Protein backbone atom coordinates (compact mmCIF):
# COMPACT_ATOMS: atom_id res chain seq x y z
CA UNK A 1 292.53 91.04 87.44
CA UNK A 2 292.22 87.54 86.02
CA UNK A 3 292.88 86.93 82.30
CA UNK A 4 289.88 87.78 80.11
CA UNK A 5 288.07 84.73 78.75
CA UNK A 6 286.70 84.31 75.29
CA UNK A 7 282.94 83.72 74.78
CA UNK A 8 283.73 80.05 74.10
CA UNK A 9 285.31 79.84 77.57
CA UNK A 10 282.73 81.92 79.41
CA UNK A 11 279.96 80.08 81.25
CA UNK A 12 278.23 82.89 83.14
CA UNK A 13 276.15 85.67 81.59
CA UNK A 14 275.04 88.81 83.35
CA UNK A 15 271.84 90.77 82.77
CA UNK A 16 270.40 88.89 79.75
CA UNK A 17 267.82 86.77 81.52
CA UNK A 18 264.99 87.91 79.21
CA UNK A 19 266.81 86.78 76.05
CA UNK A 20 267.69 83.43 77.64
CA UNK A 21 264.09 82.92 78.76
CA UNK A 22 262.80 83.70 75.24
CA UNK A 23 265.05 81.03 73.70
CA UNK A 24 264.28 78.48 76.42
CA UNK A 25 260.53 79.02 75.92
CA UNK A 26 260.86 78.39 72.18
CA UNK A 27 262.93 75.27 72.86
CA UNK A 28 260.45 73.86 75.32
CA UNK A 29 257.50 74.60 73.02
CA UNK A 30 258.83 72.10 70.45
CA UNK A 31 258.49 74.71 67.70
CA UNK A 32 261.94 76.27 67.83
CA UNK A 33 263.01 78.49 64.93
CA UNK A 34 266.01 77.16 63.01
CA UNK A 35 267.81 80.53 63.00
CA UNK A 36 268.24 83.25 65.61
CA UNK A 37 269.63 86.77 65.23
CA UNK A 38 271.30 87.96 68.47
CA UNK A 39 271.40 91.76 68.38
CA UNK A 40 272.53 94.60 70.58
CA UNK A 41 275.59 96.80 71.19
CA UNK A 42 279.04 95.23 71.06
CA UNK A 43 280.35 93.68 74.29
CA UNK A 44 277.07 92.96 76.10
CA UNK A 45 277.23 89.18 75.87
CA UNK A 46 275.77 88.20 72.48
CA UNK A 47 278.59 85.74 71.59
CA UNK A 48 278.59 84.43 75.16
CA UNK A 49 274.87 83.73 74.89
CA UNK A 50 275.44 81.99 71.50
CA UNK A 51 277.92 79.59 73.10
CA UNK A 52 275.60 79.03 76.10
CA UNK A 53 272.83 78.09 73.67
CA UNK A 54 275.24 75.83 71.74
CA UNK A 55 276.23 73.96 74.94
CA UNK A 56 272.60 73.63 75.98
CA UNK A 57 271.39 72.29 72.62
CA UNK A 58 274.37 69.98 72.04
CA UNK A 59 274.00 68.63 75.57
CA UNK A 60 270.47 67.49 74.72
CA UNK A 61 268.65 70.52 76.03
CA UNK A 62 270.03 70.46 79.53
CA UNK A 63 269.65 66.72 80.19
CA UNK A 64 272.37 64.95 82.12
CA UNK A 65 274.91 63.51 79.71
CA UNK A 66 274.58 59.76 79.89
CA UNK A 67 277.69 57.66 80.38
CA UNK A 68 275.73 54.49 79.55
CA UNK A 69 272.54 52.67 80.49
CA UNK A 70 271.70 52.71 84.17
CA UNK A 71 270.70 49.64 86.13
CA UNK A 72 267.05 50.66 86.30
CA UNK A 73 266.79 52.44 82.92
CA UNK A 74 266.09 55.80 84.52
CA UNK A 75 265.30 58.72 82.23
CA UNK A 76 267.84 61.60 82.25
CA UNK A 77 266.72 64.55 84.31
CA UNK A 78 267.47 68.23 83.89
CA UNK A 79 271.05 68.88 84.86
CA UNK A 80 270.82 72.63 85.17
CA UNK A 81 268.53 75.61 85.46
CA UNK A 82 267.93 77.68 82.36
CA UNK A 83 270.67 77.38 79.73
CA UNK A 84 273.51 76.74 82.19
CA UNK A 85 275.57 73.62 81.52
CA UNK A 86 278.26 72.36 83.91
CA UNK A 87 281.74 73.19 82.62
CA UNK A 88 282.91 69.69 83.49
CA UNK A 89 280.56 67.91 81.05
CA UNK A 90 282.15 66.31 77.97
CA UNK A 91 280.16 68.61 75.68
CA UNK A 92 281.31 71.75 77.46
CA UNK A 93 284.93 70.67 77.40
CA UNK A 94 284.80 69.82 73.71
CA UNK A 95 283.21 73.16 72.83
CA UNK A 96 285.76 75.06 74.90
CA UNK A 97 288.58 73.23 73.11
CA UNK A 98 287.03 73.90 69.70
CA UNK A 99 286.73 70.15 69.15
CA UNK A 100 282.98 69.42 69.13
CA UNK A 101 282.06 67.68 65.88
CA UNK A 102 278.59 69.25 65.71
CA UNK A 103 279.58 72.88 66.31
CA UNK A 104 280.92 75.17 63.61
CA UNK A 105 281.92 78.80 64.04
CA UNK A 106 282.56 81.50 61.48
CA UNK A 107 284.58 84.53 62.58
CA UNK A 108 286.46 87.38 60.94
CA UNK A 109 290.22 86.94 60.77
CA UNK A 110 290.17 83.72 58.73
CA UNK A 111 293.59 83.05 57.20
CA UNK A 112 293.54 82.15 53.52
CA UNK A 113 295.70 79.00 53.20
CA UNK A 114 296.75 80.02 49.65
CA UNK A 115 297.94 83.55 50.48
CA UNK A 116 298.60 83.32 54.22
CA UNK A 117 296.69 86.59 54.69
CA UNK A 118 293.98 87.17 57.29
CA UNK A 119 290.65 88.55 56.12
CA UNK A 120 288.70 91.13 58.11
CA UNK A 121 285.57 89.67 56.54
CA UNK A 122 283.82 86.34 56.77
CA UNK A 123 284.26 84.87 53.32
CA UNK A 124 282.42 82.23 51.29
CA UNK A 125 285.17 79.60 51.76
CA UNK A 126 284.52 79.75 55.54
CA UNK A 127 280.80 79.29 54.98
CA UNK A 128 281.32 76.28 52.74
CA UNK A 129 283.72 74.66 55.21
CA UNK A 130 281.43 75.35 58.18
CA UNK A 131 278.28 74.10 56.47
CA UNK A 132 279.81 70.75 55.58
CA UNK A 133 278.54 69.59 58.95
CA UNK A 134 274.96 70.12 57.76
CA UNK A 135 275.45 67.61 54.94
CA UNK A 136 276.14 64.77 57.37
CA UNK A 137 273.43 62.39 58.48
CA UNK A 138 271.91 63.95 61.58
CA UNK A 139 272.15 61.89 64.79
CA UNK A 140 271.44 64.99 66.85
CA UNK A 141 271.50 68.73 66.64
CA UNK A 142 274.20 70.69 64.82
CA UNK A 143 274.91 74.35 65.66
CA UNK A 144 276.48 77.02 63.43
CA UNK A 145 277.61 80.33 65.07
CA UNK A 146 278.44 83.36 62.90
CA UNK A 147 280.20 86.09 64.89
CA UNK A 148 279.68 88.76 63.79
CA UNK A 149 277.29 88.20 60.92
CA UNK A 150 277.91 91.86 59.98
CA UNK A 151 281.37 90.81 58.77
CA UNK A 152 280.07 88.51 56.02
CA UNK A 153 280.90 89.69 52.51
CA UNK A 154 278.24 89.46 49.77
CA UNK A 155 279.14 85.95 48.63
CA UNK A 156 279.26 84.60 52.17
CA UNK A 157 275.92 86.23 53.03
CA UNK A 158 274.27 84.71 49.97
CA UNK A 159 275.65 81.26 50.82
CA UNK A 160 274.25 81.56 54.35
CA UNK A 161 270.94 82.86 53.03
CA UNK A 162 270.52 79.77 50.83
CA UNK A 163 270.80 77.56 53.95
CA UNK A 164 268.36 79.77 55.86
CA UNK A 165 265.84 79.48 53.02
CA UNK A 166 266.22 75.69 52.85
CA UNK A 167 267.30 74.82 56.39
CA UNK A 168 269.00 71.44 56.90
CA UNK A 169 267.24 69.23 59.45
CA UNK A 170 268.14 69.67 63.14
CA UNK A 171 270.55 72.52 62.39
CA UNK A 172 270.53 75.68 64.47
CA UNK A 173 271.98 78.92 63.13
CA UNK A 174 273.02 81.60 65.65
CA UNK A 175 273.91 84.95 64.00
CA UNK A 176 275.60 87.52 66.27
CA UNK A 177 275.05 91.08 65.01
CA UNK A 178 276.15 94.47 66.35
CA UNK A 179 274.46 96.28 63.46
CA UNK A 180 271.62 94.18 62.01
CA UNK A 181 270.75 96.95 59.55
CA UNK A 182 273.88 95.99 57.60
CA UNK A 183 272.58 92.47 56.96
CA UNK A 184 270.55 91.44 53.96
CA UNK A 185 266.84 92.06 54.70
CA UNK A 186 266.16 88.50 53.55
CA UNK A 187 268.55 87.16 56.20
CA UNK A 188 266.90 89.24 58.92
CA UNK A 189 263.45 88.09 57.87
CA UNK A 190 264.37 84.40 58.18
CA UNK A 191 265.70 84.71 61.76
CA UNK A 192 263.91 85.07 65.04
CA UNK A 193 265.48 87.98 66.91
CA UNK A 194 266.88 88.02 70.43
CA UNK A 195 267.51 91.64 71.36
CA UNK A 196 270.05 91.88 74.16
CA UNK A 197 270.09 95.04 76.24
CA UNK A 198 272.93 97.16 77.65
CA UNK A 199 273.63 96.37 81.28
CA UNK A 200 272.90 98.62 84.20
CA UNK A 201 275.84 100.47 85.81
CA UNK A 202 275.52 98.50 89.08
CA UNK A 203 275.61 95.17 87.16
CA UNK A 204 278.86 96.14 85.48
CA UNK A 205 280.38 97.41 88.73
CA UNK A 206 279.48 94.12 90.44
CA UNK A 207 281.06 92.11 87.61
CA UNK A 208 284.27 94.18 87.62
CA UNK A 209 284.49 93.88 91.40
CA UNK A 210 284.16 90.13 91.16
CA UNK A 211 287.29 89.97 88.99
CA UNK A 212 289.44 91.41 91.76
CA UNK A 213 292.59 93.52 91.59
CA UNK A 214 290.89 96.75 90.47
CA UNK A 215 290.83 100.17 92.12
CA UNK A 216 287.43 100.56 93.74
CA UNK A 217 287.33 104.32 93.27
CA UNK A 218 287.17 104.17 89.45
CA UNK A 219 284.81 101.25 88.97
CA UNK A 220 281.60 103.29 88.73
CA UNK A 221 283.22 105.78 86.32
CA UNK A 222 284.41 102.93 84.13
CA UNK A 223 280.97 101.33 84.21
CA UNK A 224 279.36 104.60 83.07
CA UNK A 225 281.93 105.03 80.31
CA UNK A 226 281.19 101.51 79.05
CA UNK A 227 277.59 102.48 78.13
CA UNK A 228 276.30 99.15 79.39
CA UNK A 229 278.92 96.94 77.73
CA UNK A 230 280.93 94.55 79.89
CA UNK A 231 283.33 93.99 76.98
CA UNK A 232 284.00 97.70 76.70
CA UNK A 233 284.38 97.98 80.49
CA UNK A 234 287.09 95.33 80.46
CA UNK A 235 288.90 97.12 77.65
CA UNK A 236 288.75 100.39 79.57
CA UNK A 237 290.23 98.72 82.65
CA UNK A 238 293.02 97.01 80.75
CA UNK A 239 293.83 100.06 78.63
CA UNK A 240 293.74 102.67 81.42
CA UNK A 241 290.58 104.11 79.86
CA UNK A 242 289.59 106.32 82.78
CA UNK A 243 292.90 108.16 82.66
CA UNK A 244 292.42 108.65 78.90
CA UNK A 245 288.97 110.06 79.50
CA UNK A 246 290.29 112.50 82.10
CA UNK A 247 292.91 113.66 79.60
CA UNK A 248 290.24 114.01 76.89
CA UNK A 249 288.10 116.14 79.20
CA UNK A 250 291.06 118.39 80.04
CA UNK A 251 291.82 118.88 76.34
CA UNK A 252 288.17 119.77 75.58
CA UNK A 253 287.48 121.96 78.62
CA UNK A 254 288.98 125.12 77.11
CA UNK A 255 287.10 124.94 73.81
CA UNK A 256 286.76 126.82 71.54
CA UNK A 257 290.35 127.70 72.50
CA UNK A 258 292.56 124.81 71.51
CA UNK A 259 294.81 123.76 74.42
CA UNK A 260 297.66 122.29 72.40
CA UNK A 261 299.58 121.25 75.50
CA UNK A 262 296.69 119.09 76.64
CA UNK A 263 296.14 117.68 73.13
CA UNK A 264 299.82 116.74 72.91
CA UNK A 265 299.68 115.18 76.38
CA UNK A 266 296.66 113.11 75.27
CA UNK A 267 298.56 112.05 72.15
CA UNK A 268 301.55 111.00 74.20
CA UNK A 269 299.39 108.50 76.09
CA UNK A 270 298.53 106.60 72.92
CA UNK A 271 301.22 107.50 70.37
CA UNK A 272 303.14 104.28 70.89
CA UNK A 273 301.95 100.71 71.23
CA UNK A 274 303.24 98.93 74.33
CA UNK A 275 303.71 95.20 74.20
CA UNK A 276 302.79 94.64 77.86
CA UNK A 277 299.49 96.59 77.96
CA UNK A 278 296.28 97.03 75.99
CA UNK A 279 296.78 99.44 73.09
CA UNK A 280 295.14 102.67 74.22
CA UNK A 281 294.47 104.22 70.82
CA UNK A 282 291.41 102.15 69.87
CA UNK A 283 290.02 102.89 73.32
CA UNK A 284 290.61 106.62 72.84
CA UNK A 285 288.94 106.46 69.43
CA UNK A 286 285.79 105.05 71.05
CA UNK A 287 285.94 107.63 73.87
CA UNK A 288 286.16 110.58 71.48
CA UNK A 289 283.40 109.27 69.20
CA UNK A 290 281.20 108.57 72.25
CA UNK A 291 281.99 112.07 73.66
CA UNK A 292 280.80 113.69 70.41
CA UNK A 293 277.77 111.38 70.23
CA UNK A 294 276.83 112.44 73.77
CA UNK A 295 277.10 116.06 72.70
CA UNK A 296 274.83 115.49 69.68
CA UNK A 297 272.37 113.49 71.77
CA UNK A 298 272.28 116.25 74.38
CA UNK A 299 271.36 118.68 71.64
CA UNK A 300 268.48 116.50 70.38
CA UNK A 301 267.02 115.01 73.53
CA UNK A 302 268.47 117.10 76.36
CA UNK A 303 271.07 115.80 78.81
CA UNK A 304 270.69 112.02 79.01
CA UNK A 305 274.26 110.72 79.49
CA UNK A 306 275.42 110.49 83.14
CA UNK A 307 278.06 112.99 84.22
CA UNK A 308 281.27 111.06 84.78
CA UNK A 309 283.53 114.04 85.49
CA UNK A 310 282.42 117.28 87.09
CA UNK A 311 281.65 119.95 84.52
CA UNK A 312 280.76 117.70 81.59
CA UNK A 313 277.16 118.79 81.34
CA UNK A 314 278.09 122.45 81.63
CA UNK A 315 280.70 122.04 78.87
CA UNK A 316 278.20 120.38 76.52
CA UNK A 317 275.61 123.05 77.21
CA UNK A 318 278.13 125.81 76.44
CA UNK A 319 279.33 124.22 73.21
CA UNK A 320 275.77 123.78 71.97
CA UNK A 321 274.67 127.27 72.99
CA UNK A 322 277.70 129.20 71.74
CA UNK A 323 279.07 127.00 68.93
CA UNK A 324 277.83 125.67 65.62
CA UNK A 325 274.26 124.46 64.99
CA UNK A 326 273.47 120.84 65.70
CA UNK A 327 273.74 119.62 62.10
CA UNK A 328 277.33 120.89 62.03
CA UNK A 329 278.12 118.89 65.18
CA UNK A 330 276.70 115.78 63.52
CA UNK A 331 279.03 116.43 60.57
CA UNK A 332 282.01 116.83 62.91
CA UNK A 333 281.08 113.58 64.70
CA UNK A 334 281.09 111.72 61.38
CA UNK A 335 284.34 113.29 60.11
CA UNK A 336 286.23 112.75 63.35
CA UNK A 337 285.07 109.12 63.52
CA UNK A 338 286.25 108.54 59.96
CA UNK A 339 289.61 110.18 60.63
CA UNK A 340 290.29 108.20 63.80
CA UNK A 341 289.22 104.87 62.37
CA UNK A 342 291.22 105.50 59.17
CA UNK A 343 294.33 106.26 61.18
CA UNK A 344 294.77 102.60 62.10
CA UNK A 345 293.95 101.26 58.65
CA UNK A 346 296.65 103.27 56.90
CA UNK A 347 299.02 103.60 59.85
CA UNK A 348 298.93 107.42 60.15
CA UNK A 349 300.75 109.35 62.87
CA UNK A 350 298.37 109.11 65.82
CA UNK A 351 299.24 112.43 67.43
CA UNK A 352 298.81 114.34 64.16
CA UNK A 353 295.43 112.72 63.63
CA UNK A 354 294.36 113.79 67.12
CA UNK A 355 295.46 117.36 66.46
CA UNK A 356 293.47 117.38 63.22
CA UNK A 357 290.38 116.03 65.05
CA UNK A 358 290.60 118.63 67.82
CA UNK A 359 291.02 121.37 65.20
CA UNK A 360 287.71 120.28 63.66
CA UNK A 361 286.04 120.25 67.07
CA UNK A 362 287.46 123.67 67.98
CA UNK A 363 286.24 125.16 64.70
CA UNK A 364 282.72 123.96 65.43
CA UNK A 365 282.91 125.22 69.02
CA UNK A 366 283.87 128.73 67.96
CA UNK A 367 280.99 131.24 68.35
CA UNK A 368 279.26 132.00 65.08
CA UNK A 369 280.06 135.44 63.67
């Protein structure tokens, strides 16, 4: 499989034609909102769309980039269909290199030059530095991308809000959000929303197949596990996610009896980080949390998740019929998620955390007495 590209380096976008069309319609109307909130699950192409929009806008809205006056003074014509911009244009190359003067990005992981420490939040110093571009005399559009906007701390969010309330001329704000409910309501209200949708299984299979070097037999299973997210599908492929899911299913199949051998085997797969492969533990965290979420969803709406391995639906039905009531399963889902996510933050023993999580699940699966 070819090396995964960042959104800045990615020119194609699968399955988000409706969102692209909505932006293009606003652009062509001449009444384009100055701020857009790109929402939807993580890994479905929101940041990729933000950079596609940036290329389009900074290229003059799809017009051919002029290298100088022509002999006959011809007007530039559309260089592309939709938001697509040729990767060989000067604008595209500058954006890919992070060198375009009219594009600013804010991302988590900013390193404080005073302390040398990276922040997991987007902080106000980043906002101030990024928004310096809006103070310059406008010769054309400027674009500011915030990815993800959910990572802004309070001071950063307030600084962005001030600019949304009093937008600088010819400045476009693109806010990527996996969880828009976490944003200030006043930020949400000042943005037009582009709601991106999870992709269909066949779209993800086709994309994975186009990358080459993957086992055909597992592609559909990986696509179903991804829940419509190309980003998650790529992580599953690189981190041997399907094998992890098979091991998870084996460990859960005997519930309420706790199969410690299977739990230990699952822990062995992710107990150590390997330098040459994707770390499997974050992938397993998502798989376990999604597995419990599917169980809860099955109890509220009936069976809606596709069966990836034989016997999954029957296992969920048995756990719901013989185990704890649904509100207890919701509580287990929340506790297990907190335990697993906390394991990385404080560097706990991964295998012991898994044993603790399965003990919670087994207790809920035990028939009520």
